[in-house]
Amino acid sequence: MAAVLPATFTPTMLSLPDSVWHGDQLGSYRSTPVATGYHDLDKELPGGGWPPSVLVEFLLPHHGIGELRLLAPTLGPLTQSRKTLILLTPPYIPFAGALNDLGIRLKQVIVIEADKPIDRVWAVEQALKSASFGALLCWLPQVRTDHIRRLQLAAAAGEGLSFVFRPLSAQNQSSPAPLRLVCQPAPAGRMSVEIIKRRGPVHAAPIILPLSLPRTLIKPLAARTVVSPSFETHSNVVDRSSPAAIAARRRAALTV
């Protein structure tokens, strides 16, 4: 009887698109992933980093556990290369001093506010069409599955990074996002990251990552330098007279 070759060696399997992968191997993406800044995390992500043109979903127990610090090694170089960083409906006004300490170029940051979920989805879709778009961070406390699907389709049409933050309670809900991670605070200023969905085998255990602490947060209050940045807004990002558009135009400058 002729020997049966493993599927990994068949021409048919090798020619399949990126959306198909072997269950015991990490998949890949059509665009080159961006390094996360954490070697242990890169090893567990398909392609070895954050995938462009893909919606990445973070599930958090609450806001402010270090999600911006987790992404700082990626966002810093991105903004330094003049790419735009869009913060959509952040739960708190960004602290300029901390962003600056993390290497994020403030002039490349745009903050957009939108009260209604549908306005947030629309704002994301418009932002992803911007030629200067580099990365999107979007906080969605409440969102429908069909809205997530719209965001994934919008992300697939662009070339930047798209990160969505949702409540931990959404962990057991289905999601069209190809990459989902549960983030929990860990002792000594670290973060526990568990990959619950990826193109590849089931992730075995959480990864404990060290997070950088901005110098501004370490200094005594009296020694801190007050920074009043002007966050740039681009009219081609939001152009219709909706609550999202009005809020975006009003946030031309923030004192943080």
C-alpha atoms as a PDB file:
ATOM      1  CA  MET A   1       0.000   0.000   0.000  1.00  0.00           C
ATOM      2  CA  ALA A   2       1.338   3.388  -0.925  1.00  0.00           C
ATOM      3  CA  ALA A   3       2.297   5.644   1.952  1.00  0.00           C
ATOM      4  CA  VAL A   4      -0.086   8.488   2.666  1.00  0.00           C
ATOM      5  CA  LEU A   5       1.688  11.833   2.809  1.00  0.00           C
ATOM      6  CA  PRO A   6       0.820  14.197   5.677  1.00  0.00           C
ATOM      7  CA  ALA A   7      -1.525  16.990   4.709  1.00  0.00           C
ATOM      8  CA  THR A   8       1.234  19.517   5.333  1.00  0.00           C
ATOM      9  CA  PHE A   9       3.002  18.300   2.213  1.00  0.00           C
ATOM     10  CA  THR A  10       0.084  18.298  -0.200  1.00  0.00           C
ATOM     11  CA  PRO A  11       0.033  21.045  -2.835  1.00  0.00           C
ATOM     12  CA  THR A  12      -3.662  21.606  -2.170  1.00  0.00           C
ATOM     13  CA  MET A  13      -3.099  22.496   1.479  1.00  0.00           C
ATOM     14  CA  LEU A  14      -0.129  24.695   0.690  1.00  0.00           C
ATOM     15  CA  SER A  15      -2.195  26.740  -1.761  1.00  0.00           C
ATOM     16  CA  LEU A  16      -5.084  27.428   0.608  1.00  0.00           C
ATOM     17  CA  PRO A  17      -5.785  31.058   1.609  1.00  0.00           C
ATOM     18  CA  ASP A  18      -4.667  32.594   4.907  1.00  0.00           C
ATOM     19  CA  SER A  19      -8.134  32.067   6.377  1.00  0.00           C
ATOM     20  CA  VAL A  20      -7.458  28.300   6.432  1.00  0.00           C
ATOM     21  CA  TRP A  21      -4.767  26.774   8.640  1.00  0.00           C
ATOM     22  CA  HIS A  22      -3.805  23.508  10.330  1.00  0.00           C
ATOM     23  CA  GLY A  23      -5.407  23.104  13.743  1.00  0.00           C
ATOM     24  CA  ASP A  24      -2.092  22.256  15.403  1.00  0.00           C
ATOM     25  CA  GLN A  25      -0.187  25.175  13.867  1.00  0.00           C
ATOM     26  CA  LEU A  26      -0.403  28.951  14.054  1.00  0.00           C
ATOM     27  CA  GLY A  27      -2.058  30.522  11.038  1.00  0.00           C
ATOM     28  CA  SER A  28      -0.921  33.578   9.105  1.00  0.00           C
ATOM     29  CA  TYR A  29      -2.239  36.854   7.728  1.00  0.00           C
ATOM     30  CA  ARG A  30      -1.972  38.530   4.346  1.00  0.00           C
ATOM     31  CA  SER A  31      -0.144  41.534   5.885  1.00  0.00           C
ATOM     32  CA  THR A  32       3.075  41.435   7.876  1.00  0.00           C
ATOM     33  CA  PRO A  33       2.291  41.549  11.626  1.00  0.00           C
ATOM     34  CA  VAL A  34       3.731  44.293  13.824  1.00  0.00           C
ATOM     35  CA  ALA A  35       5.866  43.207  16.774  1.00  0.00           C
ATOM     36  CA  THR A  36       4.155  43.652  20.139  1.00  0.00           C
ATOM     37  CA  GLY A  37       7.359  44.476  21.995  1.00  0.00           C
ATOM     38  CA  TYR A  38       7.009  41.305  24.087  1.00  0.00           C
ATOM     39  CA  HIS A  39       8.887  38.234  22.871  1.00  0.00           C
ATOM     40  CA  ASP A  40       6.736  35.786  24.832  1.00  0.00           C
ATOM     41  CA  LEU A  41       3.557  37.252  23.344  1.00  0.00           C
ATOM     42  CA  ASP A  42       4.900  37.394  19.788  1.00  0.00           C
ATOM     43  CA  LYS A  43       5.626  33.660  19.965  1.00  0.00           C
ATOM     44  CA  GLU A  44       1.952  32.919  20.611  1.00  0.00           C
ATOM     45  CA  LEU A  45       0.447  35.223  17.976  1.00  0.00           C
ATOM     46  CA  PRO A  46      -0.019  34.075  14.370  1.00  0.00           C
ATOM     47  CA  GLY A  47       2.715  35.657  12.291  1.00  0.00           C
ATOM     48  CA  GLY A  48       4.585  36.824  15.379  1.00  0.00           C
ATOM     49  CA  GLY A  49       2.829  40.101  16.232  1.00  0.00           C
ATOM     50  CA  TRP A  50      -0.294  42.260  16.003  1.00  0.00           C
ATOM     51  CA  PRO A  51      -1.980  41.597  12.643  1.00  0.00           C
ATOM     52  CA  PRO A  52      -2.867  44.593  10.431  1.00  0.00           C
ATOM     53  CA  SER A  53      -6.269  44.587   8.724  1.00  0.00           C
ATOM     54  CA  VAL A  54      -7.665  42.417  11.522  1.00  0.00           C
ATOM     55  CA  LEU A  55      -9.864  43.325  14.475  1.00  0.00           C
ATOM     56  CA  VAL A  56      -8.091  42.495  17.749  1.00  0.00           C
ATOM     57  CA  GLU A  57     -10.407  42.253  20.745  1.00  0.00           C
ATOM     58  CA  PHE A  58      -9.289  42.774  24.347  1.00  0.00           C
ATOM     59  CA  LEU A  59     -11.587  41.692  27.183  1.00  0.00           C
ATOM     60  CA  LEU A  60     -10.976  43.642  30.411  1.00  0.00           C
ATOM     61  CA  PRO A  61     -12.385  43.384  33.964  1.00  0.00           C
ATOM     62  CA  HIS A  62     -12.430  47.195  34.024  1.00  0.00           C
ATOM     63  CA  HIS A  63     -10.778  50.148  32.313  1.00  0.00           C
ATOM     64  CA  GLY A  64      -7.340  51.431  33.240  1.00  0.00           C
ATOM     65  CA  ILE A  65      -5.595  48.122  33.981  1.00  0.00           C
ATOM     66  CA  GLY A  66      -2.697  49.095  31.703  1.00  0.00           C
ATOM     67  CA  GLU A  67      -4.161  48.519  28.249  1.00  0.00           C
ATOM     68  CA  LEU A  68      -2.386  51.581  26.816  1.00  0.00           C
ATOM     69  CA  ARG A  69       0.896  50.578  28.426  1.00  0.00           C
ATOM     70  CA  LEU A  70       0.491  47.103  26.928  1.00  0.00           C
ATOM     71  CA  LEU A  71       0.252  48.587  23.443  1.00  0.00           C
ATOM     72  CA  ALA A  72       2.825  51.373  23.946  1.00  0.00           C
ATOM     73  CA  PRO A  73       5.768  49.434  22.395  1.00  0.00           C
ATOM     74  CA  THR A  74       3.698  49.262  19.202  1.00  0.00           C
ATOM     75  CA  LEU A  75       2.020  52.670  19.281  1.00  0.00           C
ATOM     76  CA  GLY A  76       5.190  54.645  20.041  1.00  0.00           C
ATOM     77  CA  PRO A  77       7.133  53.763  16.867  1.00  0.00           C
ATOM     78  CA  LEU A  78       3.939  53.995  14.833  1.00  0.00           C
ATOM     79  CA  THR A  79       3.246  57.613  15.835  1.00  0.00           C
ATOM     80  CA  GLN A  80       6.920  58.529  15.502  1.00  0.00           C
ATOM     81  CA  SER A  81       6.635  57.468  11.858  1.00  0.00           C
ATOM     82  CA  ARG A  82       3.824  60.086  11.453  1.00  0.00           C
ATOM     83  CA  LYS A  83       0.993  57.570  11.430  1.00  0.00           C
ATOM     84  CA  THR A  84      -2.256  58.595  13.100  1.00  0.00           C
ATOM     85  CA  LEU A  85      -3.410  57.033  16.365  1.00  0.00           C
ATOM     86  CA  ILE A  86      -7.173  57.292  16.865  1.00  0.00           C
ATOM     87  CA  LEU A  87      -8.693  56.937  20.335  1.00  0.00           C
ATOM     88  CA  LEU A  88     -12.429  56.404  20.012  1.00  0.00           C
ATOM     89  CA  THR A  89     -14.535  57.085  23.124  1.00  0.00           C
ATOM     90  CA  PRO A  90     -11.780  56.494  25.707  1.00  0.00           C
ATOM     91  CA  PRO A  91     -13.255  56.099  29.220  1.00  0.00           C
ATOM     92  CA  TYR A  92     -10.883  58.762  30.570  1.00  0.00           C
ATOM     93  CA  ILE A  93      -9.240  61.841  29.065  1.00  0.00           C
ATOM     94  CA  PRO A  94      -5.760  60.740  27.937  1.00  0.00           C
ATOM     95  CA  PHE A  95      -2.924  61.873  30.229  1.00  0.00           C
ATOM     96  CA  ALA A  96      -0.542  63.658  27.867  1.00  0.00           C
ATOM     97  CA  GLY A  97       2.494  63.365  30.121  1.00  0.00           C
ATOM     98  CA  ALA A  98       2.136  59.598  30.368  1.00  0.00           C
ATOM     99  CA  LEU A  99       1.588  59.199  26.630  1.00  0.00           C
ATOM    100  CA  ASN A 100       4.686  61.273  25.962  1.00  0.00           C
ATOM    101  CA  ASP A 101       6.744  59.177  28.394  1.00  0.00           C
ATOM    102  CA  LEU A 102       5.578  56.042  26.590  1.00  0.00           C
ATOM    103  CA  GLY A 103       6.991  57.404  23.334  1.00  0.00           C
ATOM    104  CA  ILE A 104       3.643  58.280  21.759  1.00  0.00           C
ATOM    105  CA  ARG A 105       3.810  61.431  19.623  1.00  0.00           C
ATOM    106  CA  LEU A 106       0.924  63.600  20.808  1.00  0.00           C
ATOM    107  CA  LYS A 107       0.467  65.435  17.505  1.00  0.00           C
ATOM    108  CA  GLN A 108      -0.459  62.141  15.876  1.00  0.00           C
ATOM    109  CA  VAL A 109      -3.248  61.409  18.381  1.00  0.00           C
ATOM    110  CA  ILE A 110      -6.905  62.050  17.552  1.00  0.00           C
ATOM    111  CA  VAL A 111      -9.648  61.644  20.168  1.00  0.00           C
ATOM    112  CA  ILE A 112     -13.218  61.052  18.999  1.00  0.00           C
ATOM    113  CA  GLU A 113     -16.282  60.901  21.214  1.00  0.00           C
ATOM    114  CA  ALA A 114     -19.593  59.260  20.326  1.00  0.00           C
ATOM    115  CA  ASP A 115     -22.408  58.436  22.708  1.00  0.00           C
ATOM    116  CA  LYS A 116     -24.473  55.977  20.695  1.00  0.00           C
ATOM    117  CA  PRO A 117     -23.082  52.521  19.724  1.00  0.00           C
ATOM    118  CA  ILE A 118     -24.113  52.988  16.094  1.00  0.00           C
ATOM    119  CA  ASP A 119     -22.252  56.329  15.959  1.00  0.00           C
ATOM    120  CA  ARG A 120     -19.155  54.643  17.357  1.00  0.00           C
ATOM    121  CA  VAL A 121     -19.301  51.968  14.680  1.00  0.00           C
ATOM    122  CA  TRP A 122     -19.760  54.602  11.966  1.00  0.00           C
ATOM    123  CA  ALA A 123     -16.861  56.678  13.321  1.00  0.00           C
ATOM    124  CA  VAL A 124     -14.607  53.609  13.266  1.00  0.00           C
ATOM    125  CA  GLU A 125     -15.548  52.822   9.674  1.00  0.00           C
ATOM    126  CA  GLN A 126     -14.716  56.384   8.599  1.00  0.00           C
ATOM    127  CA  ALA A 127     -11.462  56.471  10.569  1.00  0.00           C
ATOM    128  CA  LEU A 128     -10.209  53.284   8.945  1.00  0.00           C
ATOM    129  CA  LYS A 129     -10.571  54.926   5.529  1.00  0.00           C
ATOM    130  CA  SER A 130      -8.055  57.673   6.370  1.00  0.00           C
ATOM    131  CA  ALA A 131      -4.838  57.477   4.351  1.00  0.00           C
ATOM    132  CA  SER A 132      -2.746  58.416   7.397  1.00  0.00           C
ATOM    133  CA  PHE A 133      -4.408  55.848   9.654  1.00  0.00           C
ATOM    134  CA  GLY A 134      -1.965  53.822  11.708  1.00  0.00           C
ATOM    135  CA  ALA A 135      -3.876  52.374  14.651  1.00  0.00           C
ATOM    136  CA  LEU A 136      -7.308  52.556  16.228  1.00  0.00           C
ATOM    137  CA  LEU A 137      -8.116  52.013  19.901  1.00  0.00           C
ATOM    138  CA  CYS A 138     -11.840  51.740  20.493  1.00  0.00           C
ATOM    139  CA  TRP A 139     -13.665  51.242  23.804  1.00  0.00           C
ATOM    140  CA  LEU A 140     -17.025  49.531  23.326  1.00  0.00           C
ATOM    141  CA  PRO A 141     -18.839  48.821  26.602  1.00  0.00           C
ATOM    142  CA  GLN A 142     -21.920  47.693  24.687  1.00  0.00           C
ATOM    143  CA  VAL A 143     -21.908  46.446  21.131  1.00  0.00           C
ATOM    144  CA  ARG A 144     -23.942  44.020  19.055  1.00  0.00           C
ATOM    145  CA  THR A 145     -22.394  41.092  17.213  1.00  0.00           C
ATOM    146  CA  ASP A 146     -23.399  42.533  13.850  1.00  0.00           C
ATOM    147  CA  HIS A 147     -21.590  45.765  14.753  1.00  0.00           C
ATOM    148  CA  ILE A 148     -18.428  43.792  15.544  1.00  0.00           C
ATOM    149  CA  ARG A 149     -18.787  42.122  12.160  1.00  0.00           C
ATOM    150  CA  ARG A 150     -19.008  45.534  10.484  1.00  0.00           C
ATOM    151  CA  LEU A 151     -15.853  46.632  12.291  1.00  0.00           C
ATOM    152  CA  GLN A 152     -14.002  43.498  11.198  1.00  0.00           C
ATOM    153  CA  LEU A 153     -15.001  44.110   7.576  1.00  0.00           C
ATOM    154  CA  ALA A 154     -13.856  47.730   7.848  1.00  0.00           C
ATOM    155  CA  ALA A 155     -10.543  46.653   9.381  1.00  0.00           C
ATOM    156  CA  ALA A 156     -10.002  44.100   6.608  1.00  0.00           C
ATOM    157  CA  ALA A 157     -10.343  46.860   4.014  1.00  0.00           C
ATOM    158  CA  GLY A 158      -7.553  48.931   5.618  1.00  0.00           C
ATOM    159  CA  GLU A 159      -3.892  48.394   6.422  1.00  0.00           C
ATOM    160  CA  GLY A 160      -3.642  49.668   9.990  1.00  0.00           C
ATOM    161  CA  LEU A 161      -4.027  48.090  13.419  1.00  0.00           C
ATOM    162  CA  SER A 162      -7.473  47.912  15.013  1.00  0.00           C
ATOM    163  CA  PHE A 163      -7.883  47.244  18.742  1.00  0.00           C
ATOM    164  CA  VAL A 164     -11.237  47.021  20.522  1.00  0.00           C
ATOM    165  CA  PHE A 165     -11.681  46.957  24.301  1.00  0.00           C
ATOM    166  CA  ARG A 166     -14.767  45.192  25.651  1.00  0.00           C
ATOM    167  CA  PRO A 167     -15.954  44.072  29.105  1.00  0.00           C
ATOM    168  CA  LEU A 168     -14.759  40.737  30.435  1.00  0.00           C
ATOM    169  CA  SER A 169     -18.409  39.664  30.593  1.00  0.00           C
ATOM    170  CA  ALA A 170     -18.325  39.335  26.780  1.00  0.00           C
ATOM    171  CA  GLN A 171     -15.749  36.547  27.036  1.00  0.00           C
ATOM    172  CA  ASN A 172     -18.280  33.761  26.443  1.00  0.00           C
ATOM    173  CA  GLN A 173     -20.098  35.580  23.665  1.00  0.00           C
ATOM    174  CA  SER A 174     -19.336  34.735  20.058  1.00  0.00           C
ATOM    175  CA  SER A 175     -17.356  37.345  18.156  1.00  0.00           C
ATOM    176  CA  PRO A 176     -16.270  37.736  14.516  1.00  0.00           C
ATOM    177  CA  ALA A 177     -12.915  39.136  15.708  1.00  0.00           C
ATOM    178  CA  PRO A 178     -10.183  36.667  14.605  1.00  0.00           C
ATOM    179  CA  LEU A 179      -8.003  37.450  17.639  1.00  0.00           C
ATOM    180  CA  ARG A 180      -9.366  37.750  21.199  1.00  0.00           C
ATOM    181  CA  LEU A 181      -7.386  38.199  24.408  1.00  0.00           C
ATOM    182  CA  VAL A 182      -8.413  38.294  28.060  1.00  0.00           C
ATOM    183  CA  CYS A 183      -6.320  40.777  30.051  1.00  0.00           C
ATOM    184  CA  GLN A 184      -6.119  40.805  33.842  1.00  0.00           C
ATOM    185  CA  PRO A 185      -3.935  42.866  36.198  1.00  0.00           C
ATOM    186  CA  ALA A 186      -1.095  40.874  37.742  1.00  0.00           C
ATOM    187  CA  PRO A 187       1.170  41.568  40.757  1.00  0.00           C
ATOM    188  CA  ALA A 188       4.156  43.916  40.517  1.00  0.00           C
ATOM    189  CA  GLY A 189       2.646  46.087  37.795  1.00  0.00           C
ATOM    190  CA  ARG A 190       2.400  43.270  35.278  1.00  0.00           C
ATOM    191  CA  MET A 191      -0.444  42.013  33.101  1.00  0.00           C
ATOM    192  CA  SER A 192      -1.820  38.539  32.514  1.00  0.00           C
ATOM    193  CA  VAL A 193      -2.761  37.947  28.874  1.00  0.00           C
ATOM    194  CA  GLU A 194      -4.705  34.858  27.817  1.00  0.00           C
ATOM    195  CA  ILE A 195      -5.388  34.230  24.136  1.00  0.00           C
ATOM    196  CA  ILE A 196      -8.875  32.731  23.900  1.00  0.00           C
ATOM    197  CA  LYS A 197      -9.192  32.903  20.114  1.00  0.00           C
ATOM    198  CA  ARG A 198      -6.554  32.838  17.409  1.00  0.00           C
ATOM    199  CA  ARG A 199      -5.757  31.157  14.115  1.00  0.00           C
ATOM    200  CA  GLY A 200      -4.137  28.097  15.578  1.00  0.00           C
ATOM    201  CA  PRO A 201      -4.288  25.657  18.490  1.00  0.00           C
ATOM    202  CA  VAL A 202      -5.868  26.499  21.825  1.00  0.00           C
ATOM    203  CA  HIS A 203      -3.613  28.656  23.979  1.00  0.00           C
ATOM    204  CA  ALA A 204      -2.605  26.682  27.066  1.00  0.00           C
ATOM    205  CA  ALA A 205      -1.886  29.247  29.781  1.00  0.00           C
ATOM    206  CA  PRO A 206      -1.842  33.022  30.363  1.00  0.00           C
ATOM    207  CA  ILE A 207       1.302  35.001  29.575  1.00  0.00           C
ATOM    208  CA  ILE A 208       2.562  37.350  32.292  1.00  0.00           C
ATOM    209  CA  LEU A 209       3.966  40.524  30.758  1.00  0.00           C
ATOM    210  CA  PRO A 210       5.882  43.380  32.423  1.00  0.00           C
ATOM    211  CA  LEU A 211       4.432  46.822  31.717  1.00  0.00           C
ATOM    212  CA  SER A 212       6.474  50.006  31.564  1.00  0.00           C
ATOM    213  CA  LEU A 213       5.474  52.687  34.057  1.00  0.00           C
ATOM    214  CA  PRO A 214       5.656  56.244  32.661  1.00  0.00           C
ATOM    215  CA  ARG A 215       8.191  58.441  34.468  1.00  0.00           C
ATOM    216  CA  THR A 216       5.505  61.079  34.969  1.00  0.00           C
ATOM    217  CA  LEU A 217       3.543  58.712  37.192  1.00  0.00           C
ATOM    218  CA  ILE A 218       6.599  57.940  39.314  1.00  0.00           C
ATOM    219  CA  LYS A 219       7.592  61.564  40.021  1.00  0.00           C
ATOM    220  CA  PRO A 220       6.206  63.368  43.074  1.00  0.00           C
ATOM    221  CA  LEU A 221       3.236  65.546  42.129  1.00  0.00           C
ATOM    222  CA  ALA A 222       5.113  68.806  42.811  1.00  0.00           C
ATOM    223  CA  ALA A 223       7.896  67.792  40.422  1.00  0.00           C
ATOM    224  CA  ARG A 224       5.641  66.970  37.483  1.00  0.00           C
ATOM    225  CA  THR A 225       5.554  69.146  34.383  1.00  0.00           C
ATOM    226  CA  VAL A 226       2.075  70.117  33.258  1.00  0.00           C
ATOM    227  CA  VAL A 227       1.571  69.470  29.558  1.00  0.00           C
ATOM    228  CA  SER A 228      -1.350  70.960  27.631  1.00  0.00           C
ATOM    229  CA  PRO A 229      -1.188  69.336  24.201  1.00  0.00           C
ATOM    230  CA  SER A 230      -3.285  70.022  21.146  1.00  0.00           C
ATOM    231  CA  PHE A 231      -4.593  66.768  19.751  1.00  0.00           C
ATOM    232  CA  GLU A 232      -4.973  67.177  16.007  1.00  0.00           C
ATOM    233  CA  THR A 233      -8.279  66.454  14.286  1.00  0.00           C
ATOM    234  CA  HIS A 234      -8.699  65.659  10.611  1.00  0.00           C
ATOM    235  CA  SER A 235     -11.885  66.623   8.822  1.00  0.00           C
ATOM    236  CA  ASN A 236     -11.658  63.629   6.511  1.00  0.00           C
ATOM    237  CA  VAL A 237     -12.052  61.242   9.428  1.00  0.00           C
ATOM    238  CA  VAL A 238     -15.573  62.292  10.460  1.00  0.00           C
ATOM    239  CA  ASP A 239     -17.581  64.348   7.987  1.00  0.00           C
ATOM    240  CA  ARG A 240     -21.279  64.076   8.707  1.00  0.00           C
ATOM    241  CA  SER A 241     -23.495  65.960  11.146  1.00  0.00           C
ATOM    242  CA  SER A 242     -23.961  63.132  13.631  1.00  0.00           C
ATOM    243  CA  PRO A 243     -23.173  63.198  17.367  1.00  0.00           C
ATOM    244  CA  ALA A 244     -19.871  61.488  16.579  1.00  0.00           C
ATOM    245  CA  ALA A 245     -18.922  64.155  14.062  1.00  0.00           C
ATOM    246  CA  ILE A 246     -19.886  67.062  16.293  1.00  0.00           C
ATOM    247  CA  ALA A 247     -17.958  65.642  19.232  1.00  0.00           C
ATOM    248  CA  ALA A 248     -14.899  65.074  17.065  1.00  0.00           C
ATOM    249  CA  ARG A 249     -14.846  68.689  15.902  1.00  0.00           C
ATOM    250  CA  ARG A 250     -15.185  69.999  19.444  1.00  0.00           C
ATOM    251  CA  ARG A 251     -12.206  67.999  20.692  1.00  0.00           C
ATOM    252  CA  ALA A 252      -9.617  70.069  18.811  1.00  0.00           C
ATOM    253  CA  ALA A 253      -7.664  70.581  22.037  1.00  0.00           C
ATOM    254  CA  LEU A 254      -7.620  68.814  25.373  1.00  0.00           C
ATOM    255  CA  THR A 255      -5.984  69.775  28.638  1.00  0.00           C
ATOM    256  CA  VAL A 256      -4.935  66.575  30.389  1.00  0.00           C
END
